[in-house]
C-alpha atoms as a PDB file:
ATOM      1  CA  UNK A   1       0.000   0.000   0.000  1.00  0.00           C
ATOM      2  CA  UNK A   2       2.823   2.425   0.706  1.00  0.00           C
ATOM      3  CA  UNK A   3       4.331   1.639  -2.681  1.00  0.00           C
ATOM      4  CA  UNK A   4       1.098   2.777  -4.296  1.00  0.00           C
ATOM      5  CA  UNK A   5       1.208   6.080  -2.423  1.00  0.00           C
ATOM      6  CA  UNK A   6       4.798   6.710  -3.489  1.00  0.00           C
ATOM      7  CA  UNK A   7       4.035   6.066  -7.152  1.00  0.00           C
ATOM      8  CA  UNK A   8       0.945   8.266  -6.941  1.00  0.00           C
ATOM      9  CA  UNK A   9       3.021  11.117  -5.500  1.00  0.00           C
ATOM     10  CA  UNK A  10       5.653  10.779  -8.216  1.00  0.00           C
ATOM     11  CA  UNK A  11       3.083  10.630 -11.006  1.00  0.00           C
ATOM     12  CA  UNK A  12       1.514  13.898  -9.828  1.00  0.00           C
ATOM     13  CA  UNK A  13       4.687  15.729 -10.861  1.00  0.00           C
ATOM     14  CA  UNK A  14       5.123  17.653  -7.611  1.00  0.00           C
ATOM     15  CA  UNK A  15       7.972  17.819  -5.133  1.00  0.00           C
ATOM     16  CA  UNK A  16       7.772  18.938  -1.496  1.00  0.00           C
ATOM     17  CA  UNK A  17      10.675  21.053  -0.266  1.00  0.00           C
ATOM     18  CA  UNK A  18      11.447  21.797   3.380  1.00  0.00           C
ATOM     19  CA  UNK A  19      13.819  24.548   4.500  1.00  0.00           C
ATOM     20  CA  UNK A  20      15.910  23.101   7.355  1.00  0.00           C
ATOM     21  CA  UNK A  21      19.105  25.205   7.703  1.00  0.00           C
ATOM     22  CA  UNK A  22      19.324  28.991   8.022  1.00  0.00           C
ATOM     23  CA  UNK A  23      20.907  30.966   5.219  1.00  0.00           C
ATOM     24  CA  UNK A  24      22.843  33.256   7.562  1.00  0.00           C
ATOM     25  CA  UNK A  25      26.332  33.499   6.104  1.00  0.00           C
ATOM     26  CA  UNK A  26      25.232  32.380   2.630  1.00  0.00           C
ATOM     27  CA  UNK A  27      25.642  34.421  -0.507  1.00  0.00           C
ATOM     28  CA  UNK A  28      22.869  36.634  -1.845  1.00  0.00           C
ATOM     29  CA  UNK A  29      22.168  34.323  -4.773  1.00  0.00           C
ATOM     30  CA  UNK A  30      21.469  31.442  -2.378  1.00  0.00           C
ATOM     31  CA  UNK A  31      19.113  33.683  -0.406  1.00  0.00           C
ATOM     32  CA  UNK A  32      17.310  34.597  -3.612  1.00  0.00           C
ATOM     33  CA  UNK A  33      17.075  30.934  -4.565  1.00  0.00           C
ATOM     34  CA  UNK A  34      15.428  30.072  -1.231  1.00  0.00           C
ATOM     35  CA  UNK A  35      12.972  32.941  -1.727  1.00  0.00           C
ATOM     36  CA  UNK A  36      12.429  31.894  -5.333  1.00  0.00           C
ATOM     37  CA  UNK A  37      11.353  28.460  -4.174  1.00  0.00           C
ATOM     38  CA  UNK A  38       8.674  30.189  -2.111  1.00  0.00           C
ATOM     39  CA  UNK A  39      10.204  29.510   1.288  1.00  0.00           C
ATOM     40  CA  UNK A  40       9.669  32.285   3.830  1.00  0.00           C
ATOM     41  CA  UNK A  41      10.634  30.743   7.195  1.00  0.00           C
ATOM     42  CA  UNK A  42      12.582  27.785   8.563  1.00  0.00           C
ATOM     43  CA  UNK A  43      10.859  24.394   8.646  1.00  0.00           C
ATOM     44  CA  UNK A  44       8.284  25.556   6.138  1.00  0.00           C
ATOM     45  CA  UNK A  45       7.244  22.992   3.531  1.00  0.00           C
ATOM     46  CA  UNK A  46       6.185  24.075   0.043  1.00  0.00           C
ATOM     47  CA  UNK A  47       5.024  21.989  -2.871  1.00  0.00           C
ATOM     48  CA  UNK A  48       6.352  22.889  -6.304  1.00  0.00           C
ATOM     49  CA  UNK A  49       5.993  21.356  -9.735  1.00  0.00           C
ATOM     50  CA  UNK A  50       8.797  18.913 -10.514  1.00  0.00           C
ATOM     51  CA  UNK A  51      10.554  20.705 -13.367  1.00  0.00           C
ATOM     52  CA  UNK A  52      14.227  20.895 -14.318  1.00  0.00           C
ATOM     53  CA  UNK A  53      14.317  24.545 -13.180  1.00  0.00           C
ATOM     54  CA  UNK A  54      13.028  23.683  -9.705  1.00  0.00           C
ATOM     55  CA  UNK A  55      15.396  20.702  -9.480  1.00  0.00           C
ATOM     56  CA  UNK A  56      18.288  23.030 -10.335  1.00  0.00           C
ATOM     57  CA  UNK A  57      17.244  25.457  -7.600  1.00  0.00           C
ATOM     58  CA  UNK A  58      17.054  22.599  -5.107  1.00  0.00           C
ATOM     59  CA  UNK A  59      20.501  21.424  -6.184  1.00  0.00           C
ATOM     60  CA  UNK A  60      21.957  24.900  -5.694  1.00  0.00           C
ATOM     61  CA  UNK A  61      20.799  25.072  -2.048  1.00  0.00           C
ATOM     62  CA  UNK A  62      20.865  21.341  -1.334  1.00  0.00           C
ATOM     63  CA  UNK A  63      22.724  21.930   1.945  1.00  0.00           C
ATOM     64  CA  UNK A  64      19.894  24.191   3.193  1.00  0.00           C
ATOM     65  CA  UNK A  65      16.787  22.249   2.119  1.00  0.00           C
ATOM     66  CA  UNK A  66      15.555  18.684   1.997  1.00  0.00           C
ATOM     67  CA  UNK A  67      13.059  17.014  -0.291  1.00  0.00           C
ATOM     68  CA  UNK A  68      10.161  15.582   1.711  1.00  0.00           C
ATOM     69  CA  UNK A  69       8.577  12.417   0.349  1.00  0.00           C
END
């Protein structure tokens, strides 16, 4: 049953992103990337469409965010 839920989540084409580490001390472009993902405060979870652009943004700040399944 859990396998069905995972495949349903992947087929929807969305990815959930959680901001887990503060961007104090990071460069301005990393701050803008966090804001561009729609994250406003720590431990906030947002759901975005799974596109190459969003995946690239996640990769850029991969040490600050985590992908929630």
